[in-house]
């Protein structure tokens, strides 16, 4: 028989040396992705947050510093909330998972919008510092999570195991 050819370009995920690392269930896949997204996003998000605070402190003084700190905090917590949602919904079937993801996205955007609207009414808040830092942290988080997703080797389809004797899957 022929021996499987190792994956040399890293695109198909059939490399025999990494076969043990490939998740075999949707839950394993989701947890692996959440871990990789957290690792990939934490330092860029932190750097963007600090850059926003320092930049607005220099540009607008104390109101800029505090506004950027609040905006960065809310945006970083919303990004972290995405990863918490991924971990909490691990046991759901794929259709319910999609509903939870869309609901989480809507809730996240609602929280960001409410923060901008409510904090704007507080005297001494530099709205541009708040908004630009919040936007920068959200964008950097989304980009870092997307890069982590693209680099993570997870199968597109995870099929249930088949019984050798009957040829049936464990779900039949």
Protein backbone atom coordinates (compact mmCIF):
# COMPACT_ATOMS: atom_id res chain seq x y z
CA UNK A 1 0.00 0.00 0.00
CA UNK A 2 1.04 3.57 -0.40
CA UNK A 3 2.07 5.64 2.56
CA UNK A 4 0.28 8.96 3.17
CA UNK A 5 2.18 11.94 1.89
CA UNK A 6 2.83 14.55 4.58
CA UNK A 7 1.18 17.91 4.08
CA UNK A 8 3.99 20.19 2.95
CA UNK A 9 2.11 23.43 2.40
CA UNK A 10 0.06 23.33 5.61
CA UNK A 11 -3.28 23.78 3.81
CA UNK A 12 -5.06 20.43 3.97
CA UNK A 13 -4.47 19.50 7.59
CA UNK A 14 -3.53 15.93 6.63
CA UNK A 15 0.00 15.99 7.97
CA UNK A 16 0.52 12.74 9.86
CA UNK A 17 2.76 14.42 12.43
CA UNK A 18 -0.04 16.71 13.65
CA UNK A 19 -2.92 14.25 13.37
CA UNK A 20 -3.15 13.83 17.15
CA UNK A 21 -3.65 17.60 17.63
CA UNK A 22 -6.69 17.86 15.35
CA UNK A 23 -9.92 18.13 17.36
CA UNK A 24 -12.37 15.27 16.92
CA UNK A 25 -15.51 17.02 18.21
CA UNK A 26 -17.10 20.42 17.75
CA UNK A 27 -16.55 21.17 21.45
CA UNK A 28 -12.81 20.45 21.21
CA UNK A 29 -12.61 22.56 18.08
CA UNK A 30 -14.39 25.46 19.74
CA UNK A 31 -12.23 25.32 22.87
CA UNK A 32 -9.05 25.14 20.80
CA UNK A 33 -10.17 28.14 18.78
CA UNK A 34 -11.09 30.14 21.90
CA UNK A 35 -7.66 29.45 23.42
CA UNK A 36 -5.85 30.45 20.25
CA UNK A 37 -7.94 33.60 19.87
CA UNK A 38 -7.19 34.63 23.44
CA UNK A 39 -3.48 34.05 22.98
CA UNK A 40 -3.46 35.85 19.64
CA UNK A 41 -5.45 38.88 20.76
CA UNK A 42 -4.31 39.69 24.29
CA UNK A 43 -1.04 41.50 23.52
CA UNK A 44 -2.24 43.48 20.47
CA UNK A 45 -5.37 44.55 22.38
CA UNK A 46 -3.33 45.57 25.42
CA UNK A 47 -0.86 47.50 23.24
CA UNK A 48 -3.68 49.33 21.44
CA UNK A 49 -5.37 50.13 24.73
CA UNK A 50 -2.16 51.57 26.23
CA UNK A 51 -1.35 53.48 23.02
CA UNK A 52 -4.82 55.03 23.09
CA UNK A 53 -4.47 56.06 26.72
CA UNK A 54 -1.00 57.53 26.27
CA UNK A 55 -1.86 59.22 22.98
CA UNK A 56 -5.00 60.86 24.31
CA UNK A 57 -3.30 61.80 27.59
CA UNK A 58 -0.70 63.71 25.60
CA UNK A 59 -3.24 65.12 23.14
CA UNK A 60 -6.12 66.04 25.48
CA UNK A 61 -4.77 65.87 29.02
CA UNK A 62 -6.59 64.18 31.89
CA UNK A 63 -10.04 64.09 30.21
CA UNK A 64 -8.44 62.31 27.25
CA UNK A 65 -6.62 59.87 29.52
CA UNK A 66 -9.71 58.87 31.49
CA UNK A 67 -11.98 58.77 28.45
CA UNK A 68 -9.53 56.59 26.53
CA UNK A 69 -9.16 54.33 29.57
CA UNK A 70 -12.93 53.87 29.83
CA UNK A 71 -13.31 53.29 26.08
CA UNK A 72 -10.46 50.79 25.99
CA UNK A 73 -11.78 48.97 29.05
CA UNK A 74 -15.28 48.58 27.65
CA UNK A 75 -13.94 47.44 24.27
CA UNK A 76 -11.47 44.97 25.81
CA UNK A 77 -14.20 43.53 28.03
CA UNK A 78 -16.49 43.11 25.03
CA UNK A 79 -13.72 41.28 23.16
CA UNK A 80 -13.14 39.09 26.20
CA UNK A 81 -16.90 38.49 26.38
CA UNK A 82 -16.75 36.92 22.92
CA UNK A 83 -14.23 34.37 24.15
CA UNK A 84 -16.26 33.69 27.30
CA UNK A 85 -19.32 33.12 25.11
CA UNK A 86 -17.34 30.64 23.02
CA UNK A 87 -16.43 28.68 26.14
CA UNK A 88 -19.96 28.80 27.63
CA UNK A 89 -21.63 27.53 24.47
CA UNK A 90 -19.34 24.54 23.97
CA UNK A 91 -22.07 21.98 24.63
CA UNK A 92 -24.63 23.44 22.21
CA UNK A 93 -25.40 21.91 18.86
CA UNK A 94 -24.21 23.83 15.83
CA UNK A 95 -27.52 25.59 15.09
CA UNK A 96 -27.92 26.85 18.66
CA UNK A 97 -24.27 27.87 18.68
CA UNK A 98 -24.88 30.07 15.64
CA UNK A 99 -27.87 31.68 17.35
CA UNK A 100 -25.74 32.33 20.46
CA UNK A 101 -22.96 33.86 18.36
CA UNK A 102 -25.34 36.21 16.58
CA UNK A 103 -27.02 37.12 19.87
CA UNK A 104 -23.62 37.76 21.44
CA UNK A 105 -22.63 40.01 18.55
CA UNK A 106 -25.84 42.04 18.85
CA UNK A 107 -25.42 42.33 22.63
CA UNK A 108 -21.80 43.42 22.21
CA UNK A 109 -22.68 46.16 19.72
CA UNK A 110 -25.56 47.28 21.95
CA UNK A 111 -23.25 47.60 24.97
CA UNK A 112 -20.71 49.60 22.95
CA UNK A 113 -23.41 51.91 21.62
CA UNK A 114 -25.00 52.43 25.05
CA UNK A 115 -21.57 53.20 26.50
CA UNK A 116 -20.97 55.88 23.89
CA UNK A 117 -24.41 57.41 24.39
CA UNK A 118 -24.42 57.36 28.20
CA UNK A 119 -20.84 58.44 28.80
CA UNK A 120 -21.22 61.30 26.35
CA UNK A 121 -23.57 63.03 28.82
CA UNK A 122 -20.96 63.07 31.61
CA UNK A 123 -19.17 66.44 31.89
CA UNK A 124 -15.43 66.29 31.30
CA UNK A 125 -15.53 63.28 28.99
CA UNK A 126 -13.54 63.64 25.80
CA UNK A 127 -15.87 61.84 23.40
CA UNK A 128 -13.27 61.49 20.62
CA UNK A 129 -10.80 59.85 23.00
CA UNK A 130 -13.49 57.47 24.18
CA UNK A 131 -14.75 56.61 20.70
CA UNK A 132 -11.41 56.27 18.89
CA UNK A 133 -9.84 54.15 21.61
CA UNK A 134 -12.93 51.96 21.74
CA UNK A 135 -12.96 51.59 17.95
CA UNK A 136 -9.23 50.86 17.77
CA UNK A 137 -9.40 48.18 20.47
CA UNK A 138 -12.43 46.51 18.86
CA UNK A 139 -10.81 46.51 15.41
CA UNK A 140 -7.47 45.21 16.67
CA UNK A 141 -9.26 42.50 18.63
CA UNK A 142 -11.30 41.44 15.59
CA UNK A 143 -8.22 41.38 13.36
CA UNK A 144 -6.16 39.41 15.90
CA UNK A 145 -8.99 36.90 16.41
CA UNK A 146 -9.37 36.50 12.65
CA UNK A 147 -5.64 35.88 12.24
CA UNK A 148 -5.77 33.32 15.06
CA UNK A 149 -8.74 31.62 13.40
CA UNK A 150 -6.97 31.39 10.06
CA UNK A 151 -3.83 29.95 11.67
CA UNK A 152 -5.64 27.38 13.80
CA UNK A 153 -5.89 23.94 12.24
CA UNK A 154 -9.48 22.90 12.80
CA UNK A 155 -11.45 20.63 10.48
CA UNK A 156 -14.31 22.11 8.50
CA UNK A 157 -16.50 19.04 9.03
CA UNK A 158 -16.38 16.81 12.07
CA UNK A 159 -18.26 13.63 11.33
CA UNK A 160 -19.30 11.16 14.04
CA UNK A 161 -17.27 7.98 14.34
CA UNK A 162 -18.56 4.90 12.49
CA UNK A 163 -18.93 1.48 14.02
CA UNK A 164 -16.65 -0.89 12.11
CA UNK A 165 -19.04 -3.89 12.28
CA UNK A 166 -22.33 -2.23 11.31
CA UNK A 167 -21.15 0.78 9.34
CA UNK A 168 -23.47 2.99 11.35
CA UNK A 169 -22.51 6.18 13.07
CA UNK A 170 -22.86 6.58 16.81
CA UNK A 171 -25.75 9.02 16.21
CA UNK A 172 -27.94 6.53 14.27
